[in-house]
Protein backbone atom coordinates (compact mmCIF):
# COMPACT_ATOMS: atom_id res chain seq x y z
CA MET A 1 50.29 44.88 -25.64
CA SER A 2 49.15 46.87 -28.75
CA LEU A 3 48.98 45.99 -32.34
CA VAL A 4 47.09 48.17 -35.32
CA GLY A 5 43.57 46.48 -35.87
CA TYR A 6 43.49 44.26 -32.67
CA ASN A 7 42.30 45.01 -28.86
CA SER A 8 43.72 43.51 -26.12
CA ASN A 9 41.87 41.13 -24.71
CA ASN A 10 43.91 39.97 -21.78
CA GLU A 11 46.64 40.13 -19.82
CA GLU A 12 48.02 38.26 -16.65
CA ASP A 13 51.26 37.52 -14.92
CA VAL A 14 50.88 34.12 -13.64
CA ASP A 15 52.38 34.05 -10.41
CA GLY A 16 55.68 35.37 -11.40
CA SER A 17 56.52 32.62 -13.11
CA GLY A 18 55.14 33.32 -16.20
CA TYR A 19 52.78 35.74 -18.71
CA TYR A 20 50.08 35.49 -20.94
CA ALA A 21 48.55 38.13 -23.37
CA SER A 22 46.16 37.70 -26.15
CA VAL A 23 44.68 40.29 -28.62
CA GLU A 24 41.73 39.66 -31.40
CA LYS A 25 40.93 41.48 -34.09
CA ASP A 26 39.03 44.59 -34.05
CA GLY A 27 35.48 44.80 -35.57
CA PHE A 28 32.04 43.18 -35.02
CA ASP A 29 32.38 40.40 -37.28
CA SER A 30 35.88 39.86 -36.96
CA ASN A 31 37.58 36.43 -35.67
CA GLY A 32 41.09 36.71 -35.41
CA LEU A 33 42.94 35.85 -32.17
CA ILE A 34 46.87 36.17 -31.23
CA SER A 35 48.44 35.04 -27.81
CA ILE A 36 51.76 35.13 -26.72
CA SER A 37 52.63 33.13 -23.43
CA TRP A 38 55.50 31.81 -21.77
CA VAL A 39 57.09 30.42 -18.31
CA ASN A 40 60.28 30.86 -16.93
CA GLY A 41 62.92 28.06 -17.81
CA ASN A 42 63.59 26.01 -20.57
CA LEU A 43 60.50 23.36 -20.66
CA GLU A 44 60.31 20.07 -23.33
CA LEU A 45 58.56 22.27 -26.47
CA ARG A 46 56.62 19.11 -27.14
CA GLU A 47 55.38 18.71 -23.51
CA TYR A 48 54.60 22.19 -23.93
CA LEU A 49 52.61 22.39 -26.79
CA LYS A 50 50.71 18.97 -25.35
CA LEU A 51 49.90 21.16 -22.35
CA TYR A 52 48.59 23.73 -24.25
CA GLN A 53 46.29 21.46 -26.63
CA ASP A 54 44.87 19.81 -23.61
CA ALA A 55 44.11 23.53 -21.69
CA LEU A 56 42.00 24.48 -25.15
CA ARG A 57 40.79 21.65 -25.48
CA ASN A 58 38.99 21.93 -21.88
CA THR A 59 38.29 25.80 -22.41
CA ILE A 60 34.47 26.34 -22.37
CA ILE A 61 34.17 27.77 -25.99
CA CYS A 62 36.60 24.82 -27.71
CA LYS A 63 34.78 21.68 -26.10
CA ASN A 64 31.79 22.03 -28.90
CA SER A 65 34.35 23.91 -31.41
CA ASN A 66 35.22 20.13 -33.15
CA LEU A 67 39.22 21.43 -32.49
CA ASN A 68 41.32 19.03 -34.23
CA PHE A 69 44.89 19.13 -33.68
CA GLU A 70 47.21 18.17 -36.63
CA PRO A 71 50.51 16.20 -35.11
CA ILE A 72 53.33 17.91 -33.82
CA ALA A 73 56.16 19.16 -35.96
CA ALA A 74 59.46 20.83 -35.94
CA THR A 75 59.63 23.96 -37.68
CA GLU A 76 60.66 27.62 -36.93
CA PHE A 77 59.09 30.39 -35.65
CA ASN A 78 60.50 33.86 -37.11
CA PHE A 79 63.91 31.88 -37.76
CA ILE A 80 63.92 30.46 -34.49
CA ASN A 81 63.36 26.22 -34.05
CA SER A 82 60.17 25.33 -32.93
CA LYS A 83 57.71 22.57 -32.64
CA ALA A 84 54.18 23.43 -34.00
CA SER A 85 50.97 21.91 -34.16
CA LYS A 86 48.56 23.48 -36.99
CA PHE A 87 44.63 23.32 -36.11
CA ASN A 88 41.15 23.62 -37.37
CA ALA A 89 38.16 24.56 -35.19
CA SER A 90 34.18 25.90 -35.58
CA PHE A 91 33.27 28.46 -33.06
CA LEU A 92 29.59 29.75 -33.80
CA GLY A 93 29.22 28.28 -37.16
CA ILE A 94 32.48 29.61 -38.72
CA LYS A 95 35.10 27.80 -39.72
CA HIS A 96 38.69 28.62 -38.00
CA GLN A 97 42.47 27.45 -38.77
CA GLY A 98 45.28 28.06 -36.72
CA ILE A 99 48.73 27.42 -35.81
CA LEU A 100 50.36 26.93 -31.91
CA HIS A 101 54.31 27.24 -31.85
CA THR A 102 56.38 26.42 -28.81
CA PHE A 103 59.96 27.69 -28.61
CA HIS A 104 63.03 28.45 -26.28
CA GLY A 105 64.52 32.21 -25.76
CA LYS A 106 66.08 34.43 -22.58
CA ASN A 107 65.60 31.12 -20.37
CA LYS A 108 61.90 30.85 -21.21
CA THR A 109 59.61 28.85 -23.25
CA PHE A 110 57.05 30.24 -25.32
CA ALA A 111 53.77 29.70 -27.04
CA ILE A 112 52.21 31.49 -29.51
CA LEU A 113 48.84 30.95 -31.17
CA LYS A 114 47.73 32.21 -34.22
CA GLN A 115 43.65 31.87 -35.02
CA GLU A 116 41.61 33.42 -37.62
CA GLY A 117 38.46 32.66 -39.46
CA ILE A 118 38.00 30.68 -42.81
CA SER A 119 36.12 33.23 -45.16
CA LYS A 120 34.74 30.71 -48.05
C-alpha cells in the first residue's frame, strides 16, 4: 500500500480469512495513522466495530492513552452506509482524535481507522 506522505507500517494476510494494512504519516514528529482491514463475509457491523474497539483498548500503546470512544452511530463512509465511532486518546503526551468505520462491500466486512494528532 502506498500513499503520498505516508509510509507503510504493517501489512498482513490473516490466515486467508482477511487482510490488515496500516500506514503512518512521514516525518520525525508526524502522528497520523490510517489502517484498513477486512474479513471475508458480512459480519454485523456494530459487533465488528466493538471487537475492533476492544482490540485497540488491549494494545500496549493504548492501555495508558485515556482512549475514549463515542457511542457507535449510523453514518456513511464514501457514500457507503457504515457504523462509526469517533475517539480521543493521548499518546506520549500528544492528544489524538480519530474515527473508526465499519461497512460491507463485495462479501467482506471492512474496518477503516483514521487517527491524527491534534496540534493546539
